[in-house]
């Protein structure tokens, strides 16, 4: 599991499966600024999201390539 402390992020939503919220943020990973997409495991964590609030998230990090976004799957708020 990988943990990120996020201060600035955007809450996005999908219309799929009754609607889900996810986060997009800029993070430094291996000394490179990368875009991070956080997909939550439980919808209850999605409902707790609020812009402007510092959060910590933990999940399974996928890093396909330096040119691709990082993806944190099965994430949870901690």
C-alpha atoms as a PDB file:
ATOM      1  CA  UNK A   1       0.000   0.000   0.000  1.00  0.00           C
ATOM      2  CA  UNK A   2       1.166   3.499  -0.849  1.00  0.00           C
ATOM      3  CA  UNK A   3       0.191   6.598   1.128  1.00  0.00           C
ATOM      4  CA  UNK A   4      -0.172  10.189  -0.091  1.00  0.00           C
ATOM      5  CA  UNK A   5      -0.937  13.341   1.907  1.00  0.00           C
ATOM      6  CA  UNK A   6      -2.895  15.670  -0.374  1.00  0.00           C
ATOM      7  CA  UNK A   7      -3.385  19.387   0.197  1.00  0.00           C
ATOM      8  CA  UNK A   8      -4.562  20.438  -3.251  1.00  0.00           C
ATOM      9  CA  UNK A   9      -6.796  18.225  -5.364  1.00  0.00           C
ATOM     10  CA  UNK A  10      -9.897  18.318  -7.539  1.00  0.00           C
ATOM     11  CA  UNK A  11     -12.932  16.160  -6.916  1.00  0.00           C
ATOM     12  CA  UNK A  12     -14.309  14.689 -10.139  1.00  0.00           C
ATOM     13  CA  UNK A  13     -17.322  12.454 -10.706  1.00  0.00           C
ATOM     14  CA  UNK A  14     -18.545   9.826 -13.129  1.00  0.00           C
ATOM     15  CA  UNK A  15     -22.052   8.814 -14.057  1.00  0.00           C
ATOM     16  CA  UNK A  16     -21.143   5.131 -14.021  1.00  0.00           C
ATOM     17  CA  UNK A  17     -22.597   2.703 -11.480  1.00  0.00           C
ATOM     18  CA  UNK A  18     -24.801   5.297  -9.804  1.00  0.00           C
ATOM     19  CA  UNK A  19     -22.041   7.913  -9.845  1.00  0.00           C
ATOM     20  CA  UNK A  20     -18.633   7.810  -8.219  1.00  0.00           C
ATOM     21  CA  UNK A  21     -16.264  10.530  -7.026  1.00  0.00           C
ATOM     22  CA  UNK A  22     -12.539  10.381  -7.550  1.00  0.00           C
ATOM     23  CA  UNK A  23      -9.620  12.751  -6.989  1.00  0.00           C
ATOM     24  CA  UNK A  24      -7.054  14.257  -9.337  1.00  0.00           C
ATOM     25  CA  UNK A  25      -3.916  15.779  -7.785  1.00  0.00           C
ATOM     26  CA  UNK A  26      -0.336  16.696  -8.632  1.00  0.00           C
ATOM     27  CA  UNK A  27       2.255  14.786  -6.584  1.00  0.00           C
ATOM     28  CA  UNK A  28       6.007  14.315  -6.577  1.00  0.00           C
ATOM     29  CA  UNK A  29       6.853  10.672  -7.216  1.00  0.00           C
ATOM     30  CA  UNK A  30      10.492   9.590  -7.586  1.00  0.00           C
ATOM     31  CA  UNK A  31      11.515  13.279  -7.805  1.00  0.00           C
ATOM     32  CA  UNK A  32       9.167  13.929 -10.748  1.00  0.00           C
ATOM     33  CA  UNK A  33       5.893  15.884 -10.634  1.00  0.00           C
ATOM     34  CA  UNK A  34       3.120  13.577 -11.826  1.00  0.00           C
ATOM     35  CA  UNK A  35      -0.652  13.640 -12.030  1.00  0.00           C
ATOM     36  CA  UNK A  36      -2.329  11.215  -9.602  1.00  0.00           C
ATOM     37  CA  UNK A  37      -5.829   9.780 -10.070  1.00  0.00           C
ATOM     38  CA  UNK A  38      -7.304   8.298  -6.867  1.00  0.00           C
ATOM     39  CA  UNK A  39     -10.128   5.751  -7.187  1.00  0.00           C
ATOM     40  CA  UNK A  40     -11.788   4.802  -3.892  1.00  0.00           C
ATOM     41  CA  UNK A  41     -12.703   1.301  -2.769  1.00  0.00           C
ATOM     42  CA  UNK A  42     -15.808   2.368  -0.823  1.00  0.00           C
ATOM     43  CA  UNK A  43     -18.426   4.883  -1.829  1.00  0.00           C
ATOM     44  CA  UNK A  44     -18.623   5.987   1.824  1.00  0.00           C
ATOM     45  CA  UNK A  45     -15.111   7.488   1.500  1.00  0.00           C
ATOM     46  CA  UNK A  46     -16.154   9.265  -1.713  1.00  0.00           C
ATOM     47  CA  UNK A  47     -18.983  10.988   0.168  1.00  0.00           C
ATOM     48  CA  UNK A  48     -16.553  12.337   2.805  1.00  0.00           C
ATOM     49  CA  UNK A  49     -14.559  14.331   0.234  1.00  0.00           C
ATOM     50  CA  UNK A  50     -14.591  18.104   0.447  1.00  0.00           C
ATOM     51  CA  UNK A  51     -12.491  20.617  -1.496  1.00  0.00           C
ATOM     52  CA  UNK A  52      -9.953  22.574   0.532  1.00  0.00           C
ATOM     53  CA  UNK A  53      -9.507  19.918   3.234  1.00  0.00           C
ATOM     54  CA  UNK A  54      -6.143  18.167   3.661  1.00  0.00           C
ATOM     55  CA  UNK A  55      -6.536  14.399   3.340  1.00  0.00           C
ATOM     56  CA  UNK A  56      -4.416  11.263   3.491  1.00  0.00           C
ATOM     57  CA  UNK A  57      -5.171   8.381   1.159  1.00  0.00           C
ATOM     58  CA  UNK A  58      -3.741   4.888   0.928  1.00  0.00           C
ATOM     59  CA  UNK A  59      -4.100   2.326  -1.840  1.00  0.00           C
ATOM     60  CA  UNK A  60      -2.463   0.243  -4.558  1.00  0.00           C
ATOM     61  CA  UNK A  61      -0.261   2.447  -6.740  1.00  0.00           C
ATOM     62  CA  UNK A  62      -0.018   1.707 -10.463  1.00  0.00           C
ATOM     63  CA  UNK A  63       2.764   3.390 -12.427  1.00  0.00           C
ATOM     64  CA  UNK A  64       2.663   2.267 -16.056  1.00  0.00           C
ATOM     65  CA  UNK A  65       5.100   4.804 -17.499  1.00  0.00           C
ATOM     66  CA  UNK A  66       6.550   8.233 -16.752  1.00  0.00           C
ATOM     67  CA  UNK A  67       4.353   9.670 -19.533  1.00  0.00           C
ATOM     68  CA  UNK A  68       1.159   8.242 -17.994  1.00  0.00           C
ATOM     69  CA  UNK A  69      -0.795   9.333 -14.918  1.00  0.00           C
ATOM     70  CA  UNK A  70      -0.228   7.517 -11.648  1.00  0.00           C
ATOM     71  CA  UNK A  71      -3.313   5.641 -10.464  1.00  0.00           C
ATOM     72  CA  UNK A  72      -4.101   4.814  -6.840  1.00  0.00           C
ATOM     73  CA  UNK A  73      -6.678   2.006  -6.855  1.00  0.00           C
ATOM     74  CA  UNK A  74      -8.759   0.581  -3.997  1.00  0.00           C
ATOM     75  CA  UNK A  75      -7.912   3.735  -2.060  1.00  0.00           C
ATOM     76  CA  UNK A  76      -9.265   4.641   1.341  1.00  0.00           C
ATOM     77  CA  UNK A  77      -9.167   7.765   3.473  1.00  0.00           C
ATOM     78  CA  UNK A  78      -6.918   7.408   6.514  1.00  0.00           C
END
